[in-house]
């Protein structure tokens, strides 16, 4: 039920090409080069290997990258848990999964390895899921992560905060930012938080141009976009509301401006027309800035800390040599990695 492959060492290795700062190969895995959209490093406080798999949601290219990473790490016998960027409210109850009888074989191998009877890597008869490039088939990388976690008897962790709490904070931040933009005395603090969000997004390290411009990732982008829109319509996602508000923010000022232009020109009042155009443009700019501020701070930076805390919790429960895989959106990976490496993540539970 498994194949033993001799390896030089079961400890993390730093010999992979294309590695970034702090990059290590997971124990028992020999990647000749760091896979694109994958960040692997040692979490300092627990000395546990963490592997972040950055995904473009609903992208078949990301699904292939995810299944390969989980398959390689689980095949080495070191996979402890798979953390996904979901919360119980969005994910719901555990889905029925066809569990393969891998647990007995994996446990037998690890027990024999601890006794010194075998050496090498655990390889179970688990086949990689078939990845579909059909844009109408909503194959989510999160569901694939759950399926493979169950097949390898790894723990599935929902690492995001509650959806309702995120929406509450997003509304509060949008309202607060709109109020601050109307008060010049509050502009310095507003720009400080906004610039911090931009720096957190752009200068956290980790991913490079090789990750962002991976040919397979770019090829799967149109499929991912179409799937994302279909999923948003089907499930009534808040993203759909966000897109609708953004579109109205562009369309309504243009429509009002066009109607007002005709009426003002008929009455030959260009000063009134110019004043109305300036007012509409200013309102649109203020709302766009508030929306962008909310995206950078609440949906990105704040959630990065929440996800990093969840990963730190799971690392605190792990044993030496185990690996924690986190499946996240690409925009989160570099920031989460930086928080963990700098020791800024806060554990919410005691080690088990």
C-alpha atoms as a PDB file:
ATOM      1  CA  UNK A   1       0.000   0.000   0.000  1.00  0.00           C
ATOM      2  CA  UNK A   2       2.995   2.289   0.058  1.00  0.00           C
ATOM      3  CA  UNK A   3       6.391   2.609  -1.595  1.00  0.00           C
ATOM      4  CA  UNK A   4       9.449   3.398   0.479  1.00  0.00           C
ATOM      5  CA  UNK A   5      11.876   5.836  -1.102  1.00  0.00           C
ATOM      6  CA  UNK A   6      15.232   6.411   0.491  1.00  0.00           C
ATOM      7  CA  UNK A   7      15.972  10.047   1.297  1.00  0.00           C
ATOM      8  CA  UNK A   8      19.109  11.665   2.653  1.00  0.00           C
ATOM      9  CA  UNK A   9      17.306  13.557   5.384  1.00  0.00           C
ATOM     10  CA  UNK A  10      13.823  14.043   6.735  1.00  0.00           C
ATOM     11  CA  UNK A  11      14.569  17.592   7.869  1.00  0.00           C
ATOM     12  CA  UNK A  12      13.701  20.698   5.820  1.00  0.00           C
ATOM     13  CA  UNK A  13      16.231  21.456   3.100  1.00  0.00           C
ATOM     14  CA  UNK A  14      17.391  24.798   1.754  1.00  0.00           C
ATOM     15  CA  UNK A  15      18.951  23.552  -1.473  1.00  0.00           C
ATOM     16  CA  UNK A  16      16.123  24.323  -3.898  1.00  0.00           C
ATOM     17  CA  UNK A  17      16.817  26.721  -6.724  1.00  0.00           C
ATOM     18  CA  UNK A  18      14.761  29.861  -7.085  1.00  0.00           C
ATOM     19  CA  UNK A  19      14.289  30.129  -3.347  1.00  0.00           C
ATOM     20  CA  UNK A  20      13.391  33.394  -1.681  1.00  0.00           C
ATOM     21  CA  UNK A  21      14.403  34.701   1.722  1.00  0.00           C
ATOM     22  CA  UNK A  22      13.660  32.038   4.335  1.00  0.00           C
ATOM     23  CA  UNK A  23      12.551  29.438   1.783  1.00  0.00           C
ATOM     24  CA  UNK A  24      12.968  25.763   2.699  1.00  0.00           C
ATOM     25  CA  UNK A  25      11.870  22.514   1.128  1.00  0.00           C
ATOM     26  CA  UNK A  26       9.300  20.672   3.260  1.00  0.00           C
ATOM     27  CA  UNK A  27      10.742  17.605   5.043  1.00  0.00           C
ATOM     28  CA  UNK A  28      10.847  14.518   2.862  1.00  0.00           C
ATOM     29  CA  UNK A  29      10.236  16.544  -0.321  1.00  0.00           C
ATOM     30  CA  UNK A  30      12.907  17.333  -2.891  1.00  0.00           C
ATOM     31  CA  UNK A  31      11.691  20.158  -5.070  1.00  0.00           C
ATOM     32  CA  UNK A  32      14.534  21.114  -7.413  1.00  0.00           C
ATOM     33  CA  UNK A  33      13.042  24.589  -7.641  1.00  0.00           C
ATOM     34  CA  UNK A  34      10.464  26.444  -5.578  1.00  0.00           C
ATOM     35  CA  UNK A  35       7.105  25.881  -7.292  1.00  0.00           C
ATOM     36  CA  UNK A  36       5.505  29.111  -8.433  1.00  0.00           C
ATOM     37  CA  UNK A  37       2.744  30.413  -6.125  1.00  0.00           C
ATOM     38  CA  UNK A  38       4.143  28.285  -3.280  1.00  0.00           C
ATOM     39  CA  UNK A  39       5.964  29.652  -0.213  1.00  0.00           C
ATOM     40  CA  UNK A  40       7.564  27.235   2.243  1.00  0.00           C
ATOM     41  CA  UNK A  41       9.290  28.352   5.446  1.00  0.00           C
ATOM     42  CA  UNK A  42       9.862  27.528   9.113  1.00  0.00           C
ATOM     43  CA  UNK A  43       7.471  29.131  11.611  1.00  0.00           C
ATOM     44  CA  UNK A  44       9.932  30.495  14.213  1.00  0.00           C
ATOM     45  CA  UNK A  45       8.065  29.928  17.476  1.00  0.00           C
ATOM     46  CA  UNK A  46       7.226  26.250  16.808  1.00  0.00           C
ATOM     47  CA  UNK A  47       9.937  25.262  14.308  1.00  0.00           C
ATOM     48  CA  UNK A  48       7.200  23.703  12.161  1.00  0.00           C
ATOM     49  CA  UNK A  49       7.279  23.887   8.368  1.00  0.00           C
ATOM     50  CA  UNK A  50       4.487  25.983   6.846  1.00  0.00           C
ATOM     51  CA  UNK A  51       3.617  25.778   3.142  1.00  0.00           C
ATOM     52  CA  UNK A  52       1.470  28.581   1.708  1.00  0.00           C
ATOM     53  CA  UNK A  53      -0.181  27.777  -1.619  1.00  0.00           C
ATOM     54  CA  UNK A  54      -1.350  30.971  -3.319  1.00  0.00           C
ATOM     55  CA  UNK A  55      -4.400  30.543  -5.529  1.00  0.00           C
ATOM     56  CA  UNK A  56      -6.354  32.546  -8.044  1.00  0.00           C
ATOM     57  CA  UNK A  57      -9.801  31.468  -6.917  1.00  0.00           C
ATOM     58  CA  UNK A  58     -11.505  28.987  -9.287  1.00  0.00           C
ATOM     59  CA  UNK A  59      -8.413  28.843 -11.511  1.00  0.00           C
ATOM     60  CA  UNK A  60      -7.650  25.358 -12.898  1.00  0.00           C
ATOM     61  CA  UNK A  61      -3.942  26.251 -12.879  1.00  0.00           C
ATOM     62  CA  UNK A  62      -4.108  26.977  -9.135  1.00  0.00           C
ATOM     63  CA  UNK A  63      -6.025  23.737  -8.591  1.00  0.00           C
ATOM     64  CA  UNK A  64      -3.247  21.784 -10.315  1.00  0.00           C
ATOM     65  CA  UNK A  65      -0.587  23.547  -8.244  1.00  0.00           C
ATOM     66  CA  UNK A  66      -2.505  22.850  -5.017  1.00  0.00           C
ATOM     67  CA  UNK A  67      -3.101  19.147  -5.652  1.00  0.00           C
ATOM     68  CA  UNK A  68       0.553  18.619  -6.614  1.00  0.00           C
ATOM     69  CA  UNK A  69       1.804  20.336  -3.439  1.00  0.00           C
ATOM     70  CA  UNK A  70      -0.527  18.361  -1.144  1.00  0.00           C
ATOM     71  CA  UNK A  71       0.249  15.103  -2.949  1.00  0.00           C
ATOM     72  CA  UNK A  72       4.010  15.575  -2.632  1.00  0.00           C
ATOM     73  CA  UNK A  73       3.933  16.550   1.057  1.00  0.00           C
ATOM     74  CA  UNK A  74       1.322  13.976   2.094  1.00  0.00           C
ATOM     75  CA  UNK A  75       3.263  11.332   0.175  1.00  0.00           C
ATOM     76  CA  UNK A  76       6.262  11.977   2.420  1.00  0.00           C
ATOM     77  CA  UNK A  77       4.178  11.153   5.489  1.00  0.00           C
ATOM     78  CA  UNK A  78       4.649  14.591   7.093  1.00  0.00           C
ATOM     79  CA  UNK A  79       1.319  16.299   6.373  1.00  0.00           C
ATOM     80  CA  UNK A  80      -0.516  17.290   9.556  1.00  0.00           C
ATOM     81  CA  UNK A  81      -3.265  19.659   8.430  1.00  0.00           C
ATOM     82  CA  UNK A  82      -4.644  21.683   5.560  1.00  0.00           C
ATOM     83  CA  UNK A  83      -5.862  25.186   6.409  1.00  0.00           C
ATOM     84  CA  UNK A  84      -8.168  26.960   3.966  1.00  0.00           C
ATOM     85  CA  UNK A  85      -9.242  30.599   3.665  1.00  0.00           C
ATOM     86  CA  UNK A  86     -12.790  29.912   4.826  1.00  0.00           C
ATOM     87  CA  UNK A  87     -14.951  30.292   7.930  1.00  0.00           C
ATOM     88  CA  UNK A  88     -17.749  28.040   9.252  1.00  0.00           C
ATOM     89  CA  UNK A  89     -20.425  30.480   8.038  1.00  0.00           C
ATOM     90  CA  UNK A  90     -19.193  30.369   4.432  1.00  0.00           C
ATOM     91  CA  UNK A  91     -18.076  26.737   4.405  1.00  0.00           C
ATOM     92  CA  UNK A  92     -21.009  25.150   6.212  1.00  0.00           C
ATOM     93  CA  UNK A  93     -21.039  21.596   7.620  1.00  0.00           C
ATOM     94  CA  UNK A  94     -18.464  19.031   6.443  1.00  0.00           C
ATOM     95  CA  UNK A  95     -19.283  17.682   3.012  1.00  0.00           C
ATOM     96  CA  UNK A  96     -19.578  14.015   2.291  1.00  0.00           C
ATOM     97  CA  UNK A  97     -16.266  12.782   0.909  1.00  0.00           C
ATOM     98  CA  UNK A  98     -15.416   9.328  -0.394  1.00  0.00           C
ATOM     99  CA  UNK A  99     -12.827   8.441   2.228  1.00  0.00           C
ATOM    100  CA  UNK A 100     -10.166   6.032   1.035  1.00  0.00           C
ATOM    101  CA  UNK A 101      -8.719   3.652   3.586  1.00  0.00           C
ATOM    102  CA  UNK A 102      -5.403   5.476   3.869  1.00  0.00           C
ATOM    103  CA  UNK A 103      -5.268   5.978   7.614  1.00  0.00           C
ATOM    104  CA  UNK A 104      -4.325   2.413   8.550  1.00  0.00           C
ATOM    105  CA  UNK A 105      -1.514   2.227   5.989  1.00  0.00           C
ATOM    106  CA  UNK A 106      -0.096   5.650   6.886  1.00  0.00           C
ATOM    107  CA  UNK A 107      -0.141   4.919  10.631  1.00  0.00           C
ATOM    108  CA  UNK A 108       1.518   1.540  10.089  1.00  0.00           C
ATOM    109  CA  UNK A 109       4.273   3.140   8.044  1.00  0.00           C
ATOM    110  CA  UNK A 110       4.924   5.898  10.611  1.00  0.00           C
ATOM    111  CA  UNK A 111       5.018   3.375  13.471  1.00  0.00           C
ATOM    112  CA  UNK A 112       7.490   1.215  11.561  1.00  0.00           C
ATOM    113  CA  UNK A 113       9.552   4.303  10.754  1.00  0.00           C
ATOM    114  CA  UNK A 114       9.687   5.294  14.446  1.00  0.00           C
ATOM    115  CA  UNK A 115      10.961   1.787  15.279  1.00  0.00           C
ATOM    116  CA  UNK A 116      13.676   2.119  12.646  1.00  0.00           C
ATOM    117  CA  UNK A 117      12.257  -0.728  10.557  1.00  0.00           C
ATOM    118  CA  UNK A 118      11.720   1.323   7.393  1.00  0.00           C
ATOM    119  CA  UNK A 119      13.077   4.530   5.952  1.00  0.00           C
ATOM    120  CA  UNK A 120      11.970   6.793   3.173  1.00  0.00           C
ATOM    121  CA  UNK A 121       8.637   8.198   2.081  1.00  0.00           C
ATOM    122  CA  UNK A 122       5.058   7.054   2.460  1.00  0.00           C
ATOM    123  CA  UNK A 123       3.240   6.673  -0.852  1.00  0.00           C
ATOM    124  CA  UNK A 124      -0.422   5.740  -0.663  1.00  0.00           C
ATOM    125  CA  UNK A 125      -2.585   4.749  -3.607  1.00  0.00           C
ATOM    126  CA  UNK A 126      -4.220   8.154  -3.854  1.00  0.00           C
ATOM    127  CA  UNK A 127      -4.785   9.547  -7.307  1.00  0.00           C
ATOM    128  CA  UNK A 128      -4.694  13.250  -7.971  1.00  0.00           C
ATOM    129  CA  UNK A 129      -8.152  14.691  -8.664  1.00  0.00           C
ATOM    130  CA  UNK A 130      -8.925  15.400 -12.300  1.00  0.00           C
ATOM    131  CA  UNK A 131      -8.726  19.148 -12.936  1.00  0.00           C
ATOM    132  CA  UNK A 132     -11.350  20.604 -15.255  1.00  0.00           C
ATOM    133  CA  UNK A 133     -10.754  23.608 -17.518  1.00  0.00           C
ATOM    134  CA  UNK A 134     -14.457  23.877 -18.333  1.00  0.00           C
ATOM    135  CA  UNK A 135     -15.459  27.447 -17.280  1.00  0.00           C
ATOM    136  CA  UNK A 136     -19.006  26.295 -16.493  1.00  0.00           C
ATOM    137  CA  UNK A 137     -17.807  23.665 -14.015  1.00  0.00           C
ATOM    138  CA  UNK A 138     -17.245  25.449 -10.712  1.00  0.00           C
ATOM    139  CA  UNK A 139     -14.312  23.419  -9.436  1.00  0.00           C
ATOM    140  CA  UNK A 140     -13.042  25.247  -6.358  1.00  0.00           C
ATOM    141  CA  UNK A 141      -9.524  24.781  -5.042  1.00  0.00           C
ATOM    142  CA  UNK A 142     -10.943  24.863  -1.506  1.00  0.00           C
ATOM    143  CA  UNK A 143     -13.140  21.806  -2.146  1.00  0.00           C
ATOM    144  CA  UNK A 144     -10.170  19.994  -3.691  1.00  0.00           C
ATOM    145  CA  UNK A 145      -8.117  20.818  -0.592  1.00  0.00           C
ATOM    146  CA  UNK A 146     -10.848  19.375   1.637  1.00  0.00           C
ATOM    147  CA  UNK A 147     -11.108  16.210  -0.471  1.00  0.00           C
ATOM    148  CA  UNK A 148      -7.357  15.555  -0.422  1.00  0.00           C
ATOM    149  CA  UNK A 149      -7.107  16.341   3.294  1.00  0.00           C
ATOM    150  CA  UNK A 150      -9.724  13.672   4.023  1.00  0.00           C
ATOM    151  CA  UNK A 151      -8.091  11.147   1.706  1.00  0.00           C
ATOM    152  CA  UNK A 152      -4.743  11.573   3.463  1.00  0.00           C
ATOM    153  CA  UNK A 153      -6.412  11.712   6.901  1.00  0.00           C
ATOM    154  CA  UNK A 154      -5.113  15.216   7.525  1.00  0.00           C
ATOM    155  CA  UNK A 155      -6.953  17.738   9.656  1.00  0.00           C
ATOM    156  CA  UNK A 156      -9.008  20.380   7.804  1.00  0.00           C
ATOM    157  CA  UNK A 157      -8.812  23.835   9.439  1.00  0.00           C
ATOM    158  CA  UNK A 158     -11.046  26.811   8.634  1.00  0.00           C
ATOM    159  CA  UNK A 159      -8.629  29.681   9.178  1.00  0.00           C
ATOM    160  CA  UNK A 160     -10.666  32.805   8.391  1.00  0.00           C
ATOM    161  CA  UNK A 161     -12.848  34.919  10.669  1.00  0.00           C
ATOM    162  CA  UNK A 162     -16.631  34.754  10.525  1.00  0.00           C
ATOM    163  CA  UNK A 163     -18.097  36.202   7.341  1.00  0.00           C
ATOM    164  CA  UNK A 164     -20.628  38.264   9.272  1.00  0.00           C
ATOM    165  CA  UNK A 165     -17.839  39.846  11.340  1.00  0.00           C
ATOM    166  CA  UNK A 166     -15.871  40.744   8.189  1.00  0.00           C
ATOM    167  CA  UNK A 167     -18.955  42.392   6.658  1.00  0.00           C
ATOM    168  CA  UNK A 168     -19.627  44.310   9.878  1.00  0.00           C
ATOM    169  CA  UNK A 169     -16.084  45.671  10.000  1.00  0.00           C
ATOM    170  CA  UNK A 170     -16.141  46.467   6.273  1.00  0.00           C
ATOM    171  CA  UNK A 171     -19.307  48.557   6.638  1.00  0.00           C
ATOM    172  CA  UNK A 172     -17.918  50.345   9.679  1.00  0.00           C
ATOM    173  CA  UNK A 173     -14.620  51.112   7.918  1.00  0.00           C
ATOM    174  CA  UNK A 174     -16.396  52.409   4.809  1.00  0.00           C
ATOM    175  CA  UNK A 175     -18.586  54.713   6.891  1.00  0.00           C
ATOM    176  CA  UNK A 176     -15.647  55.934   8.987  1.00  0.00           C
ATOM    177  CA  UNK A 177     -13.478  56.592   5.911  1.00  0.00           C
ATOM    178  CA  UNK A 178     -16.250  58.594   4.216  1.00  0.00           C
ATOM    179  CA  UNK A 179     -16.565  60.748   7.345  1.00  0.00           C
ATOM    180  CA  UNK A 180     -12.801  61.259   7.584  1.00  0.00           C
ATOM    181  CA  UNK A 181     -12.523  62.420   3.966  1.00  0.00           C
ATOM    182  CA  UNK A 182     -14.974  65.230   4.736  1.00  0.00           C
ATOM    183  CA  UNK A 183     -12.820  66.413   7.652  1.00  0.00           C
ATOM    184  CA  UNK A 184      -9.389  67.746   6.561  1.00  0.00           C
ATOM    185  CA  UNK A 185      -8.089  67.381  10.130  1.00  0.00           C
ATOM    186  CA  UNK A 186      -8.477  63.579   9.812  1.00  0.00           C
ATOM    187  CA  UNK A 187      -6.627  63.284   6.481  1.00  0.00           C
ATOM    188  CA  UNK A 188      -3.164  62.525   7.991  1.00  0.00           C
ATOM    189  CA  UNK A 189      -4.420  59.497   9.941  1.00  0.00           C
ATOM    190  CA  UNK A 190      -6.442  58.359   6.939  1.00  0.00           C
ATOM    191  CA  UNK A 191      -3.447  58.519   4.608  1.00  0.00           C
ATOM    192  CA  UNK A 192      -1.284  56.766   7.196  1.00  0.00           C
ATOM    193  CA  UNK A 193      -3.598  53.749   7.358  1.00  0.00           C
ATOM    194  CA  UNK A 194      -4.048  53.752   3.583  1.00  0.00           C
ATOM    195  CA  UNK A 195      -0.292  53.837   2.897  1.00  0.00           C
ATOM    196  CA  UNK A 196       0.243  51.063   5.457  1.00  0.00           C
ATOM    197  CA  UNK A 197      -2.231  48.907   3.527  1.00  0.00           C
ATOM    198  CA  UNK A 198      -0.464  49.614   0.227  1.00  0.00           C
ATOM    199  CA  UNK A 199       2.959  48.816   1.719  1.00  0.00           C
ATOM    200  CA  UNK A 200       1.575  45.623   3.266  1.00  0.00           C
ATOM    201  CA  UNK A 201       0.329  44.531  -0.169  1.00  0.00           C
ATOM    202  CA  UNK A 202       3.321  45.487  -2.306  1.00  0.00           C
ATOM    203  CA  UNK A 203       6.382  45.115  -0.086  1.00  0.00           C
ATOM    204  CA  UNK A 204       5.806  42.048   2.079  1.00  0.00           C
ATOM    205  CA  UNK A 205       8.284  39.925   0.115  1.00  0.00           C
ATOM    206  CA  UNK A 206       7.677  36.323  -0.839  1.00  0.00           C
ATOM    207  CA  UNK A 207       6.189  36.203  -4.321  1.00  0.00           C
ATOM    208  CA  UNK A 208       8.133  37.503  -7.325  1.00  0.00           C
ATOM    209  CA  UNK A 209       7.309  38.287 -10.955  1.00  0.00           C
ATOM    210  CA  UNK A 210       7.813  34.583 -11.710  1.00  0.00           C
ATOM    211  CA  UNK A 211       4.782  33.817  -9.536  1.00  0.00           C
ATOM    212  CA  UNK A 212       2.532  36.573 -10.903  1.00  0.00           C
ATOM    213  CA  UNK A 213       3.343  35.993 -14.579  1.00  0.00           C
ATOM    214  CA  UNK A 214       3.384  32.214 -14.573  1.00  0.00           C
ATOM    215  CA  UNK A 215       2.102  31.196 -18.063  1.00  0.00           C
ATOM    216  CA  UNK A 216      -0.302  28.565 -16.710  1.00  0.00           C
ATOM    217  CA  UNK A 217      -1.718  31.018 -14.182  1.00  0.00           C
ATOM    218  CA  UNK A 218      -2.312  33.615 -16.905  1.00  0.00           C
ATOM    219  CA  UNK A 219      -3.876  30.963 -19.141  1.00  0.00           C
ATOM    220  CA  UNK A 220      -6.345  30.014 -16.418  1.00  0.00           C
ATOM    221  CA  UNK A 221      -7.263  33.617 -15.531  1.00  0.00           C
ATOM    222  CA  UNK A 222     -10.213  33.955 -17.994  1.00  0.00           C
ATOM    223  CA  UNK A 223     -11.647  30.641 -16.775  1.00  0.00           C
ATOM    224  CA  UNK A 224     -11.274  31.762 -13.147  1.00  0.00           C
ATOM    225  CA  UNK A 225     -12.963  35.125 -13.811  1.00  0.00           C
ATOM    226  CA  UNK A 226     -15.980  33.539 -15.517  1.00  0.00           C
ATOM    227  CA  UNK A 227     -16.336  30.925 -12.783  1.00  0.00           C
ATOM    228  CA  UNK A 228     -16.045  33.598 -10.103  1.00  0.00           C
ATOM    229  CA  UNK A 229     -18.855  35.660 -11.626  1.00  0.00           C
ATOM    230  CA  UNK A 230     -21.080  32.588 -12.010  1.00  0.00           C
ATOM    231  CA  UNK A 231     -20.430  31.595  -8.384  1.00  0.00           C
ATOM    232  CA  UNK A 232     -21.159  35.150  -7.208  1.00  0.00           C
ATOM    233  CA  UNK A 233     -24.537  35.174  -9.002  1.00  0.00           C
ATOM    234  CA  UNK A 234     -25.382  31.666  -7.815  1.00  0.00           C
ATOM    235  CA  UNK A 235     -24.579  32.229  -4.139  1.00  0.00           C
ATOM    236  CA  UNK A 236     -25.418  35.935  -3.834  1.00  0.00           C
ATOM    237  CA  UNK A 237     -21.864  36.771  -2.861  1.00  0.00           C
ATOM    238  CA  UNK A 238     -20.973  40.114  -1.291  1.00  0.00           C
ATOM    239  CA  UNK A 239     -18.398  40.471  -4.078  1.00  0.00           C
ATOM    240  CA  UNK A 240     -21.277  40.805  -6.538  1.00  0.00           C
ATOM    241  CA  UNK A 241     -22.732  43.646  -4.458  1.00  0.00           C
ATOM    242  CA  UNK A 242     -19.288  45.263  -4.339  1.00  0.00           C
ATOM    243  CA  UNK A 243     -18.935  45.066  -8.118  1.00  0.00           C
ATOM    244  CA  UNK A 244     -22.438  46.484  -8.577  1.00  0.00           C
ATOM    245  CA  UNK A 245     -21.767  49.429  -6.276  1.00  0.00           C
ATOM    246  CA  UNK A 246     -18.471  50.118  -8.051  1.00  0.00           C
ATOM    247  CA  UNK A 247     -20.196  50.065 -11.433  1.00  0.00           C
ATOM    248  CA  UNK A 248     -22.941  52.394 -10.244  1.00  0.00           C
ATOM    249  CA  UNK A 249     -20.256  54.714  -8.881  1.00  0.00           C
ATOM    250  CA  UNK A 250     -19.000  55.113 -12.452  1.00  0.00           C
ATOM    251  CA  UNK A 251     -22.268  55.003 -14.411  1.00  0.00           C
ATOM    252  CA  UNK A 252     -24.535  57.256 -12.315  1.00  0.00           C
ATOM    253  CA  UNK A 253     -22.248  60.331 -12.382  1.00  0.00           C
ATOM    254  CA  UNK A 254     -21.848  59.968 -16.146  1.00  0.00           C
ATOM    255  CA  UNK A 255     -25.608  59.721 -16.718  1.00  0.00           C
ATOM    256  CA  UNK A 256     -26.396  62.674 -14.447  1.00  0.00           C
ATOM    257  CA  UNK A 257     -23.583  64.667 -16.003  1.00  0.00           C
ATOM    258  CA  UNK A 258     -24.896  63.995 -19.520  1.00  0.00           C
ATOM    259  CA  UNK A 259     -28.452  65.031 -18.652  1.00  0.00           C
ATOM    260  CA  UNK A 260     -27.289  68.115 -16.769  1.00  0.00           C
ATOM    261  CA  UNK A 261     -24.970  69.099 -19.614  1.00  0.00           C
ATOM    262  CA  UNK A 262     -27.818  69.278 -22.098  1.00  0.00           C
ATOM    263  CA  UNK A 263     -30.082  71.249 -19.768  1.00  0.00           C
ATOM    264  CA  UNK A 264     -27.350  73.674 -18.735  1.00  0.00           C
ATOM    265  CA  UNK A 265     -26.150  74.276 -22.286  1.00  0.00           C
ATOM    266  CA  UNK A 266     -29.713  74.916 -23.421  1.00  0.00           C
ATOM    267  CA  UNK A 267     -29.930  77.635 -20.767  1.00  0.00           C
ATOM    268  CA  UNK A 268     -26.377  78.765 -21.550  1.00  0.00           C
ATOM    269  CA  UNK A 269     -25.081  78.362 -18.009  1.00  0.00           C
ATOM    270  CA  UNK A 270     -21.620  76.778 -18.382  1.00  0.00           C
ATOM    271  CA  UNK A 271     -20.551  77.818 -14.868  1.00  0.00           C
ATOM    272  CA  UNK A 272     -23.353  75.744 -13.328  1.00  0.00           C
ATOM    273  CA  UNK A 273     -22.460  72.828 -15.582  1.00  0.00           C
ATOM    274  CA  UNK A 274     -18.786  72.907 -14.634  1.00  0.00           C
ATOM    275  CA  UNK A 275     -19.661  73.137 -10.946  1.00  0.00           C
ATOM    276  CA  UNK A 276     -21.970  70.118 -11.219  1.00  0.00           C
ATOM    277  CA  UNK A 277     -19.304  68.087 -13.021  1.00  0.00           C
ATOM    278  CA  UNK A 278     -16.741  68.939 -10.353  1.00  0.00           C
ATOM    279  CA  UNK A 279     -19.167  67.951  -7.584  1.00  0.00           C
ATOM    280  CA  UNK A 280     -19.946  64.595  -9.194  1.00  0.00           C
ATOM    281  CA  UNK A 281     -16.270  63.863  -9.873  1.00  0.00           C
ATOM    282  CA  UNK A 282     -15.339  64.725  -6.277  1.00  0.00           C
ATOM    283  CA  UNK A 283     -18.062  62.490  -4.847  1.00  0.00           C
ATOM    284  CA  UNK A 284     -17.024  59.618  -7.081  1.00  0.00           C
ATOM    285  CA  UNK A 285     -13.353  60.026  -6.105  1.00  0.00           C
ATOM    286  CA  UNK A 286     -14.183  60.115  -2.377  1.00  0.00           C
ATOM    287  CA  UNK A 287     -16.298  56.961  -2.593  1.00  0.00           C
ATOM    288  CA  UNK A 288     -13.668  55.140  -4.703  1.00  0.00           C
ATOM    289  CA  UNK A 289     -10.952  56.021  -2.197  1.00  0.00           C
ATOM    290  CA  UNK A 290     -13.123  54.842   0.713  1.00  0.00           C
ATOM    291  CA  UNK A 291     -13.845  51.574  -1.075  1.00  0.00           C
ATOM    292  CA  UNK A 292     -10.154  50.982  -1.819  1.00  0.00           C
ATOM    293  CA  UNK A 293      -9.220  51.815   1.786  1.00  0.00           C
ATOM    294  CA  UNK A 294     -11.708  49.232   3.033  1.00  0.00           C
ATOM    295  CA  UNK A 295     -10.350  46.570   0.648  1.00  0.00           C
ATOM    296  CA  UNK A 296      -6.735  47.162   1.691  1.00  0.00           C
ATOM    297  CA  UNK A 297      -7.292  47.375   5.439  1.00  0.00           C
ATOM    298  CA  UNK A 298     -10.287  45.182   6.340  1.00  0.00           C
ATOM    299  CA  UNK A 299     -10.346  42.570   3.582  1.00  0.00           C
ATOM    300  CA  UNK A 300      -6.588  42.249   3.160  1.00  0.00           C
ATOM    301  CA  UNK A 301      -4.362  43.483   6.000  1.00  0.00           C
ATOM    302  CA  UNK A 302      -6.668  42.657   8.934  1.00  0.00           C
ATOM    303  CA  UNK A 303      -7.552  39.226   7.541  1.00  0.00           C
ATOM    304  CA  UNK A 304      -3.857  38.500   6.968  1.00  0.00           C
ATOM    305  CA  UNK A 305      -3.336  38.800  10.729  1.00  0.00           C
ATOM    306  CA  UNK A 306      -6.360  36.590  11.442  1.00  0.00           C
ATOM    307  CA  UNK A 307      -5.169  33.884   9.035  1.00  0.00           C
ATOM    308  CA  UNK A 308      -1.608  34.115  10.398  1.00  0.00           C
ATOM    309  CA  UNK A 309      -2.976  33.644  13.934  1.00  0.00           C
ATOM    310  CA  UNK A 310      -4.842  30.516  12.795  1.00  0.00           C
ATOM    311  CA  UNK A 311      -1.687  29.105  11.205  1.00  0.00           C
ATOM    312  CA  UNK A 312       0.331  29.864  14.353  1.00  0.00           C
ATOM    313  CA  UNK A 313      -2.322  28.047  16.425  1.00  0.00           C
ATOM    314  CA  UNK A 314      -2.056  24.978  14.206  1.00  0.00           C
ATOM    315  CA  UNK A 315       1.748  25.075  14.293  1.00  0.00           C
ATOM    316  CA  UNK A 316       1.581  25.161  18.082  1.00  0.00           C
ATOM    317  CA  UNK A 317      -0.337  21.867  18.032  1.00  0.00           C
ATOM    318  CA  UNK A 318       1.973  20.201  15.501  1.00  0.00           C
ATOM    319  CA  UNK A 319       4.788  17.803  16.300  1.00  0.00           C
ATOM    320  CA  UNK A 320       8.368  18.253  15.040  1.00  0.00           C
ATOM    321  CA  UNK A 321       8.653  17.204  11.416  1.00  0.00           C
ATOM    322  CA  UNK A 322       4.980  17.778  10.579  1.00  0.00           C
ATOM    323  CA  UNK A 323       3.884  20.199   7.865  1.00  0.00           C
ATOM    324  CA  UNK A 324       0.955  22.639   7.840  1.00  0.00           C
ATOM    325  CA  UNK A 325      -0.369  23.606   4.404  1.00  0.00           C
ATOM    326  CA  UNK A 326      -2.430  26.794   4.021  1.00  0.00           C
ATOM    327  CA  UNK A 327      -4.511  27.372   0.883  1.00  0.00           C
ATOM    328  CA  UNK A 328      -4.984  31.128   0.434  1.00  0.00           C
ATOM    329  CA  UNK A 329      -5.671  33.739  -2.177  1.00  0.00           C
ATOM    330  CA  UNK A 330      -2.434  34.961  -3.740  1.00  0.00           C
ATOM    331  CA  UNK A 331      -2.912  38.481  -2.336  1.00  0.00           C
ATOM    332  CA  UNK A 332      -2.741  37.102   1.225  1.00  0.00           C
ATOM    333  CA  UNK A 333       0.328  34.849   1.004  1.00  0.00           C
ATOM    334  CA  UNK A 334       3.193  37.349   1.168  1.00  0.00           C
ATOM    335  CA  UNK A 335       1.618  39.319   4.009  1.00  0.00           C
ATOM    336  CA  UNK A 336       0.787  36.189   6.036  1.00  0.00           C
ATOM    337  CA  UNK A 337       4.344  34.880   5.524  1.00  0.00           C
ATOM    338  CA  UNK A 338       5.830  38.176   6.732  1.00  0.00           C
ATOM    339  CA  UNK A 339       3.652  38.226   9.854  1.00  0.00           C
ATOM    340  CA  UNK A 340       4.648  34.667  10.764  1.00  0.00           C
ATOM    341  CA  UNK A 341       8.369  35.122  10.084  1.00  0.00           C
ATOM    342  CA  UNK A 342       8.496  38.316  12.137  1.00  0.00           C
ATOM    343  CA  UNK A 343       6.733  36.613  15.054  1.00  0.00           C
ATOM    344  CA  UNK A 344       3.769  38.995  15.027  1.00  0.00           C
ATOM    345  CA  UNK A 345       1.136  36.255  14.956  1.00  0.00           C
ATOM    346  CA  UNK A 346      -0.753  35.722  18.213  1.00  0.00           C
ATOM    347  CA  UNK A 347      -1.835  32.275  19.268  1.00  0.00           C
ATOM    348  CA  UNK A 348      -5.349  32.046  20.655  1.00  0.00           C
ATOM    349  CA  UNK A 349      -5.062  28.539  22.103  1.00  0.00           C
ATOM    350  CA  UNK A 350      -2.543  26.612  24.158  1.00  0.00           C
ATOM    351  CA  UNK A 351      -0.390  23.909  22.615  1.00  0.00           C
ATOM    352  CA  UNK A 352      -1.899  20.483  22.686  1.00  0.00           C
END
